[in-house]
Amino acid sequence: MSQWSSSKARRVLSALLKIGWVIKRQTGSHRTLSRDGWSDFVFAFHDGEELGPRMLSKISKHTGLRAEDL
């Protein structure tokens, strides 16, 4: 079973900002996030959108986000 449960995109973005990511630029709902030592990451979700366990797992691999950060 996955360690991830569904979460709103707004909550995921907030958790990413808390662990050191910053919004580099934004075009519509696409936000390019930046963090030292990591490749830029495009977060392309509307705030109210529900993200499932599979998408959260993919995001974590690119950003270092952990389930306990949410």
N, C-alpha and C. Protein backbone atom coordinates (compact mmCIF):
# COMPACT_ATOMS: atom_id res chain seq x y z
N MET A 1 0.84 -1.19 0.00
CA MET A 1 0.00 0.00 0.00
C MET A 1 0.88 1.24 0.00
N SER A 2 0.41 2.28 -0.64
CA SER A 2 1.17 3.52 -0.79
C SER A 2 1.22 4.30 0.52
N GLN A 3 2.32 5.00 0.74
CA GLN A 3 2.44 5.87 1.90
C GLN A 3 1.71 7.18 1.68
N TRP A 4 1.29 7.44 0.45
CA TRP A 4 0.64 8.69 0.09
C TRP A 4 -0.87 8.55 0.13
N SER A 5 -1.54 9.58 0.59
CA SER A 5 -2.99 9.68 0.46
C SER A 5 -3.29 10.92 -0.37
N SER A 6 -4.48 11.01 -0.90
CA SER A 6 -4.83 12.15 -1.75
C SER A 6 -4.70 13.46 -0.98
N SER A 7 -4.38 14.52 -1.72
CA SER A 7 -4.22 15.83 -1.11
C SER A 7 -4.52 16.91 -2.14
N LYS A 8 -4.97 18.05 -1.68
CA LYS A 8 -5.23 19.18 -2.57
C LYS A 8 -3.91 19.78 -3.04
N ALA A 9 -3.90 20.27 -4.26
CA ALA A 9 -2.69 20.87 -4.85
C ALA A 9 -2.21 22.05 -4.02
N ARG A 10 -3.12 22.82 -3.46
CA ARG A 10 -2.76 23.98 -2.63
C ARG A 10 -1.90 23.53 -1.44
N ARG A 11 -2.27 22.41 -0.83
CA ARG A 11 -1.55 21.88 0.33
C ARG A 11 -0.16 21.36 -0.08
N VAL A 12 -0.09 20.71 -1.23
CA VAL A 12 1.18 20.19 -1.73
C VAL A 12 2.13 21.35 -2.03
N LEU A 13 1.63 22.38 -2.71
CA LEU A 13 2.47 23.55 -3.02
C LEU A 13 2.98 24.20 -1.73
N SER A 14 2.12 24.33 -0.75
CA SER A 14 2.51 24.91 0.53
C SER A 14 3.62 24.09 1.18
N ALA A 15 3.50 22.77 1.13
CA ALA A 15 4.53 21.89 1.71
C ALA A 15 5.85 22.04 0.96
N LEU A 16 5.79 22.16 -0.36
CA LEU A 16 7.02 22.35 -1.15
C LEU A 16 7.71 23.66 -0.78
N LEU A 17 6.93 24.70 -0.59
CA LEU A 17 7.51 25.99 -0.21
C LEU A 17 8.15 25.91 1.18
N LYS A 18 7.55 25.15 2.08
CA LYS A 18 8.09 25.00 3.44
C LYS A 18 9.41 24.24 3.45
N ILE A 19 9.61 23.31 2.50
CA ILE A 19 10.87 22.55 2.50
C ILE A 19 11.96 23.20 1.66
N GLY A 20 11.71 24.44 1.21
CA GLY A 20 12.79 25.20 0.58
C GLY A 20 12.62 25.54 -0.90
N TRP A 21 11.55 25.08 -1.53
CA TRP A 21 11.31 25.45 -2.92
C TRP A 21 10.77 26.87 -2.97
N VAL A 22 11.10 27.60 -4.02
CA VAL A 22 10.58 28.96 -4.23
C VAL A 22 9.98 29.03 -5.63
N ILE A 23 8.98 29.88 -5.78
CA ILE A 23 8.35 30.07 -7.09
C ILE A 23 9.26 30.99 -7.90
N LYS A 24 9.80 30.45 -8.97
CA LYS A 24 10.71 31.19 -9.84
C LYS A 24 9.93 32.06 -10.82
N ARG A 25 8.88 31.48 -11.38
CA ARG A 25 7.98 32.23 -12.28
C ARG A 25 6.66 31.49 -12.38
N GLN A 26 5.64 32.21 -12.87
CA GLN A 26 4.32 31.61 -13.00
C GLN A 26 3.66 32.09 -14.28
N THR A 27 3.06 31.15 -15.01
CA THR A 27 2.27 31.46 -16.19
C THR A 27 0.97 30.68 -16.06
N GLY A 28 -0.11 31.39 -15.74
CA GLY A 28 -1.38 30.71 -15.49
C GLY A 28 -1.25 29.83 -14.26
N SER A 29 -1.65 28.57 -14.38
CA SER A 29 -1.55 27.65 -13.24
C SER A 29 -0.21 26.92 -13.21
N HIS A 30 0.65 27.17 -14.19
CA HIS A 30 1.97 26.53 -14.23
C HIS A 30 2.97 27.37 -13.43
N ARG A 31 3.47 26.78 -12.35
CA ARG A 31 4.46 27.46 -11.53
C ARG A 31 5.78 26.72 -11.66
N THR A 32 6.83 27.44 -11.98
CA THR A 32 8.16 26.83 -12.04
C THR A 32 8.82 27.07 -10.69
N LEU A 33 9.13 25.95 -10.03
CA LEU A 33 9.74 26.01 -8.70
C LEU A 33 11.23 25.76 -8.80
N SER A 34 11.98 26.38 -7.93
CA SER A 34 13.43 26.27 -7.95
C SER A 34 13.93 26.02 -6.53
N ARG A 35 15.01 25.22 -6.43
CA ARG A 35 15.65 24.95 -5.13
C ARG A 35 17.10 24.60 -5.40
N ASP A 36 18.00 25.13 -4.60
CA ASP A 36 19.42 24.84 -4.76
C ASP A 36 19.68 23.34 -4.70
N GLY A 37 20.47 22.85 -5.64
CA GLY A 37 20.83 21.44 -5.67
C GLY A 37 19.83 20.55 -6.39
N TRP A 38 18.73 21.11 -6.89
CA TRP A 38 17.69 20.35 -7.57
C TRP A 38 17.42 21.00 -8.93
N SER A 39 16.92 20.20 -9.87
CA SER A 39 16.47 20.74 -11.15
C SER A 39 15.17 21.48 -10.93
N ASP A 40 14.91 22.49 -11.77
CA ASP A 40 13.64 23.20 -11.68
C ASP A 40 12.50 22.21 -11.87
N PHE A 41 11.37 22.49 -11.21
CA PHE A 41 10.21 21.60 -11.27
C PHE A 41 8.99 22.44 -11.64
N VAL A 42 8.24 21.99 -12.63
CA VAL A 42 7.02 22.69 -13.05
C VAL A 42 5.84 22.07 -12.31
N PHE A 43 5.20 22.87 -11.48
CA PHE A 43 4.02 22.45 -10.73
C PHE A 43 2.83 23.00 -11.49
N ALA A 44 2.09 22.13 -12.18
CA ALA A 44 1.05 22.58 -13.12
C ALA A 44 -0.34 22.14 -12.68
N PHE A 45 -0.72 22.52 -11.47
CA PHE A 45 -2.03 22.12 -10.96
C PHE A 45 -2.78 23.33 -10.43
N HIS A 46 -4.10 23.31 -10.58
CA HIS A 46 -4.93 24.35 -9.98
C HIS A 46 -5.02 24.09 -8.48
N ASP A 47 -5.17 25.15 -7.70
CA ASP A 47 -5.14 25.04 -6.24
C ASP A 47 -6.14 24.04 -5.67
N GLY A 48 -7.34 23.98 -6.22
CA GLY A 48 -8.37 23.10 -5.68
C GLY A 48 -8.33 21.68 -6.20
N GLU A 49 -7.41 21.39 -7.09
CA GLU A 49 -7.34 20.07 -7.72
C GLU A 49 -6.85 19.02 -6.71
N GLU A 50 -7.48 17.84 -6.74
CA GLU A 50 -7.10 16.74 -5.87
C GLU A 50 -6.01 15.91 -6.54
N LEU A 51 -4.90 15.70 -5.84
CA LEU A 51 -3.79 14.91 -6.36
C LEU A 51 -3.79 13.56 -5.67
N GLY A 52 -3.78 12.50 -6.46
CA GLY A 52 -3.83 11.15 -5.92
C GLY A 52 -2.45 10.64 -5.52
N PRO A 53 -2.42 9.45 -4.93
CA PRO A 53 -1.16 8.87 -4.46
C PRO A 53 -0.10 8.69 -5.55
N ARG A 54 -0.51 8.30 -6.73
CA ARG A 54 0.46 8.08 -7.80
C ARG A 54 1.13 9.39 -8.21
N MET A 55 0.36 10.47 -8.35
CA MET A 55 0.92 11.77 -8.72
C MET A 55 1.81 12.31 -7.60
N LEU A 56 1.39 12.13 -6.36
CA LEU A 56 2.20 12.59 -5.23
C LEU A 56 3.54 11.85 -5.18
N SER A 57 3.53 10.58 -5.51
CA SER A 57 4.76 9.80 -5.56
C SER A 57 5.70 10.34 -6.63
N LYS A 58 5.15 10.67 -7.79
CA LYS A 58 5.98 11.23 -8.87
C LYS A 58 6.55 12.58 -8.46
N ILE A 59 5.73 13.42 -7.84
CA ILE A 59 6.20 14.73 -7.39
C ILE A 59 7.33 14.56 -6.37
N SER A 60 7.18 13.59 -5.47
CA SER A 60 8.20 13.40 -4.43
C SER A 60 9.55 12.99 -5.01
N LYS A 61 9.54 12.21 -6.08
CA LYS A 61 10.79 11.78 -6.70
C LYS A 61 11.55 12.96 -7.31
N HIS A 62 10.82 13.96 -7.77
CA HIS A 62 11.46 15.13 -8.40
C HIS A 62 11.79 16.24 -7.41
N THR A 63 11.14 16.23 -6.23
CA THR A 63 11.29 17.37 -5.33
C THR A 63 11.82 17.03 -3.94
N GLY A 64 11.82 15.76 -3.57
CA GLY A 64 12.25 15.40 -2.22
C GLY A 64 11.15 15.51 -1.19
N LEU A 65 9.92 15.76 -1.64
CA LEU A 65 8.79 15.85 -0.72
C LEU A 65 8.54 14.49 -0.07
N ARG A 66 8.25 14.51 1.23
CA ARG A 66 7.94 13.27 1.97
C ARG A 66 6.50 13.35 2.45
N ALA A 67 5.91 12.20 2.69
CA ALA A 67 4.52 12.15 3.15
C ALA A 67 4.33 12.93 4.45
N GLU A 68 5.32 12.91 5.33
CA GLU A 68 5.20 13.63 6.60
C GLU A 68 5.30 15.15 6.43
N ASP A 69 5.73 15.63 5.27
CA ASP A 69 5.79 17.08 5.00
C ASP A 69 4.40 17.66 4.76
N LEU A 70 3.46 16.81 4.38
CA LEU A 70 2.10 17.30 4.11
C LEU A 70 1.35 17.52 5.37
